[in-house]
Protein backbone atom coordinates (compact mmCIF):
# COMPACT_ATOMS: atom_id res chain seq x y z
CA MET A 1 -0.02 -0.02 -0.01
CA LEU A 2 1.48 3.36 -1.05
CA SER A 3 0.52 5.11 2.16
CA GLU A 4 3.07 2.90 3.87
CA SER A 5 5.77 3.35 1.19
CA ALA A 6 9.04 5.18 1.33
CA ILE A 7 9.48 7.47 -1.66
CA ILE A 8 13.05 7.96 -2.84
CA ALA A 9 14.29 10.31 -5.55
CA LEU A 10 17.49 9.27 -7.26
CA GLY A 11 19.68 11.51 -9.36
CA SER A 12 23.03 11.33 -11.11
CA ASN A 13 25.01 13.71 -13.24
CA LEU A 14 28.48 12.21 -13.12
CA GLY A 15 29.56 9.05 -14.94
CA ASP A 16 27.14 6.67 -16.75
CA SER A 17 24.13 8.13 -14.95
CA ALA A 18 21.52 5.80 -16.42
CA GLN A 19 23.48 2.70 -15.48
CA ILE A 20 24.34 4.09 -12.04
CA LEU A 21 20.63 4.63 -11.36
CA ARG A 22 19.69 1.14 -12.55
CA ASP A 23 22.38 -0.36 -10.31
CA ALA A 24 21.25 1.80 -7.39
CA MET A 25 17.62 0.68 -7.87
CA ALA A 26 18.77 -2.95 -7.76
CA ARG A 27 20.42 -2.24 -4.42
CA LEU A 28 17.34 -0.37 -3.12
CA GLN A 29 15.30 -3.49 -3.80
CA GLU A 30 17.25 -5.14 -0.94
CA PHE A 31 15.55 -2.65 1.47
CA SER A 32 12.02 -3.43 0.31
CA ASP A 33 9.60 -6.18 1.23
CA LEU A 34 7.84 -5.90 -2.14
CA PRO A 35 9.05 -5.12 -5.67
CA LEU A 36 9.95 -1.47 -6.12
CA LYS A 37 7.53 0.70 -7.98
CA LYS A 38 9.76 2.66 -10.41
CA SER A 39 9.30 5.65 -12.71
CA SER A 40 10.93 6.07 -16.07
CA LEU A 41 14.40 7.67 -16.22
CA TRP A 42 14.19 11.43 -16.92
CA GLN A 43 16.87 13.79 -18.17
CA THR A 44 16.61 17.09 -16.34
CA THR A 45 18.37 20.43 -16.10
CA PRO A 46 20.48 20.98 -13.00
CA VAL A 47 18.73 23.10 -10.33
CA ASP A 48 20.75 25.36 -8.03
CA CYS A 49 23.96 23.74 -9.28
CA PRO A 50 27.27 25.42 -10.18
CA PRO A 51 27.44 26.94 -13.71
CA GLY A 52 28.25 24.36 -16.37
CA SER A 53 26.99 21.42 -14.37
CA PRO A 54 26.10 18.38 -16.51
CA MET A 55 22.48 17.36 -17.08
CA PHE A 56 20.93 15.03 -14.50
CA VAL A 57 19.23 11.73 -14.96
CA ASN A 58 16.46 11.29 -12.32
CA VAL A 59 14.12 8.50 -11.31
CA VAL A 60 11.75 8.04 -8.32
CA VAL A 61 10.95 4.76 -6.58
CA ALA A 62 8.49 3.68 -3.95
CA LEU A 63 9.65 0.85 -1.68
CA THR A 64 7.94 -1.00 1.13
CA PRO A 65 10.16 -0.69 4.18
CA ARG A 66 10.99 -3.86 6.06
CA ALA A 67 9.59 -4.44 9.56
CA GLY A 68 11.29 -2.18 12.10
CA GLU A 69 12.66 0.23 9.50
CA THR A 70 12.42 3.88 10.55
CA PRO A 71 12.91 6.99 8.44
CA GLU A 72 16.21 7.55 10.22
CA SER A 73 17.50 4.02 9.65
CA LEU A 74 16.53 4.11 5.96
CA HIS A 75 18.12 7.57 5.61
CA GLY A 76 21.36 6.12 7.00
CA LYS A 77 21.25 3.26 4.45
CA LEU A 78 20.71 5.75 1.66
CA GLN A 79 23.72 7.80 2.74
CA ALA A 80 25.84 4.66 2.90
CA LEU A 81 24.68 3.64 -0.58
CA GLU A 82 25.67 7.09 -1.96
CA LYS A 83 29.19 6.62 -0.56
CA GLU A 84 29.36 3.07 -2.01
CA PHE A 85 28.59 4.60 -5.43
CA GLY A 86 31.40 7.10 -5.10
CA ARG A 87 29.77 10.12 -3.45
CA ARG A 88 32.38 12.24 -1.69
CA PRO A 89 31.94 14.97 0.92
CA LYS A 90 30.78 18.21 -0.73
CA LYS A 91 33.35 20.78 -1.69
CA VAL A 92 30.80 22.91 -3.54
CA LEU A 93 27.05 22.98 -2.86
CA HIS A 94 25.09 20.92 -5.41
CA GLU A 95 28.23 19.86 -7.31
CA ALA A 96 28.12 17.00 -9.82
CA ARG A 97 27.81 13.60 -8.24
CA PRO A 98 27.47 9.98 -9.33
CA LEU A 99 24.51 9.30 -7.06
CA ASP A 100 22.16 11.45 -4.99
CA LEU A 101 19.43 9.76 -2.97
CA ASP A 102 16.74 11.82 -1.28
CA LEU A 103 14.15 10.38 1.05
CA ILE A 104 11.07 12.30 -0.12
CA ALA A 105 8.48 10.70 2.17
CA PHE A 106 8.14 7.74 4.54
CA GLY A 107 4.42 7.02 4.70
CA PRO A 108 2.70 9.72 6.73
CA GLU A 109 5.81 10.45 8.86
CA ILE A 110 6.81 14.01 9.54
CA ARG A 111 10.29 14.90 10.74
CA ALA A 112 12.25 18.14 11.31
CA THR A 113 15.62 17.27 12.78
CA MET A 114 19.20 18.23 11.95
CA GLN A 115 19.61 14.91 10.11
CA LEU A 116 16.26 14.54 8.38
CA THR A 117 13.27 16.57 7.23
CA LEU A 118 10.18 14.72 6.07
CA PRO A 119 8.57 15.11 3.73
CA HIS A 120 11.49 16.54 1.78
CA PRO A 121 11.10 20.32 2.18
CA ARG A 122 11.35 21.17 -1.57
CA ALA A 123 9.90 18.05 -3.24
CA HIS A 124 6.56 19.69 -3.89
CA GLU A 125 8.16 22.43 -6.03
CA ARG A 126 10.71 20.41 -8.03
CA ARG A 127 9.76 19.10 -11.44
CA PHE A 128 12.65 16.57 -11.37
CA VAL A 129 10.92 14.90 -8.42
CA LEU A 130 7.25 15.47 -9.33
CA GLN A 131 7.44 14.43 -13.02
CA PRO A 132 8.77 10.91 -12.30
CA LEU A 133 6.71 10.65 -9.11
CA SER A 134 3.53 11.38 -11.06
CA GLU A 135 4.15 8.24 -13.12
CA ILE A 136 3.97 5.93 -10.16
CA VAL A 137 1.70 7.71 -7.62
CA PRO A 138 -0.12 10.64 -9.34
CA ASP A 139 -2.83 10.78 -6.66
CA LEU A 140 -0.44 10.69 -3.68
CA VAL A 141 -0.77 13.66 -1.35
CA LEU A 142 2.55 14.22 0.39
CA PRO A 143 2.33 14.87 4.14
CA GLY A 144 1.67 18.56 4.79
CA GLN A 145 0.31 19.16 1.25
CA SER A 146 -3.31 19.56 0.19
CA CYS A 147 -2.78 18.79 -3.54
CA SER A 148 -1.88 15.51 -5.18
CA VAL A 149 1.43 14.97 -6.93
CA SER A 150 -0.21 15.45 -10.33
CA GLU A 151 -1.90 18.67 -9.16
CA LEU A 152 1.39 20.02 -7.77
CA LEU A 153 3.07 19.19 -11.10
CA SER A 154 0.43 21.12 -13.02
CA LEU A 155 1.17 24.20 -10.93
CA LEU A 156 4.81 24.36 -12.02
CA ALA A 157 6.03 26.40 -14.94
CA PRO A 158 6.60 24.35 -18.10
CA ASP A 159 10.11 23.07 -18.71
CA ALA A 160 10.81 22.01 -22.26
CA SER A 161 14.25 20.68 -21.35
CA ILE A 162 12.97 17.72 -19.30
CA ARG A 163 12.58 14.51 -21.26
CA ARG A 164 11.80 10.86 -20.65
CA LEU A 165 14.64 8.57 -21.58
CA ALA A 166 14.08 5.33 -23.53
């Protein structure tokens, strides 16, 4: 049931991004009791990144957390997975990276700690999250929002540069 799912946004703009994301999704399957629900891969323009940053490839998945999993424990696993895929400590904010994993939502949970904010504080205004998310759960209302994912997406300015990859 999607109300009990963890929603994770994956992005990459360094290396063979499409393959990195496929490999990362295979690893994320290990954290889920049921098969992942996955969007298409999307090529998107970098947002708030240094000038000249490469295009991103993004995908969103919904997984069913295993018994006893908490938002904090899953967040820790996501950070470890980023490091496994070559993520290094930031030198520049929003610099190019092989793998970025953002926990967008964990069922109805709400958090506001130094380590974790749920739902993700900017997910509702980011096309690179909402476009793929609308493929798998268009009617989902993120905690704290009153509009569905598809409604939030319709409120954003058009972006001709985003495209679904084959």
